[in-house]
């Protein structure tokens, strides 16, 4: 599934996809670079590992 398709689904349900590489330092992300946040509260609900880093070291 493409990033844009996931983004459309998230938007439909009231969530935003965020690139967490600019928000959190690497030690807090634990290789997770994409986050799904609630649009109303701004809280990160789910952290998704980037497929480039998911294959390394898991």
Protein backbone atom coordinates (compact mmCIF):
# COMPACT_ATOMS: atom_id res chain seq x y z
CA UNK A 1 0.00 0.00 0.00
CA UNK A 2 1.35 3.41 -0.91
CA UNK A 3 1.89 6.16 1.65
CA UNK A 4 -0.68 8.37 -0.12
CA UNK A 5 -3.32 5.62 0.13
CA UNK A 6 -2.70 5.19 3.84
CA UNK A 7 -2.86 8.97 4.24
CA UNK A 8 -6.27 9.10 2.52
CA UNK A 9 -7.66 6.38 4.80
CA UNK A 10 -6.29 8.12 7.89
CA UNK A 11 -7.79 11.44 6.79
CA UNK A 12 -11.18 9.79 6.26
CA UNK A 13 -11.22 8.59 9.88
CA UNK A 14 -10.01 11.92 11.30
CA UNK A 15 -6.33 11.15 11.73
CA UNK A 16 -3.17 12.66 10.27
CA UNK A 17 0.03 10.91 9.24
CA UNK A 18 3.14 12.63 10.54
CA UNK A 19 6.78 12.18 9.71
CA UNK A 20 8.19 11.75 13.20
CA UNK A 21 11.82 11.95 12.13
CA UNK A 22 11.62 15.74 12.49
CA UNK A 23 9.57 15.71 15.72
CA UNK A 24 11.27 13.14 17.95
CA UNK A 25 14.95 12.26 18.39
CA UNK A 26 16.02 8.85 17.11
CA UNK A 27 16.30 7.34 20.60
CA UNK A 28 12.62 8.09 21.32
CA UNK A 29 11.37 6.86 17.95
CA UNK A 30 13.02 3.42 18.09
CA UNK A 31 13.19 3.22 14.27
CA UNK A 32 9.57 4.35 13.94
CA UNK A 33 9.35 7.26 11.55
CA UNK A 34 5.66 7.55 10.70
CA UNK A 35 3.02 8.35 13.29
CA UNK A 36 -0.77 8.46 13.16
CA UNK A 37 -2.12 11.29 15.28
CA UNK A 38 -5.62 12.23 16.33
CA UNK A 39 -6.53 15.43 14.51
CA UNK A 40 -8.47 16.85 17.48
CA UNK A 41 -6.00 16.23 20.30
CA UNK A 42 -2.76 16.02 18.30
CA UNK A 43 -1.78 12.94 20.30
CA UNK A 44 0.25 10.28 18.48
CA UNK A 45 -1.88 7.12 18.52
CA UNK A 46 0.28 4.71 16.54
CA UNK A 47 3.92 4.64 15.48
CA UNK A 48 4.77 2.78 12.29
CA UNK A 49 8.28 1.63 11.44
CA UNK A 50 9.61 2.84 8.14
CA UNK A 51 10.09 -0.14 5.83
CA UNK A 52 13.69 0.92 5.15
CA UNK A 53 14.60 0.68 8.84
CA UNK A 54 12.20 -2.15 9.76
CA UNK A 55 14.29 -4.69 7.87
CA UNK A 56 17.48 -3.59 9.63
CA UNK A 57 18.11 -5.01 13.08
CA UNK A 58 14.70 -6.56 13.77
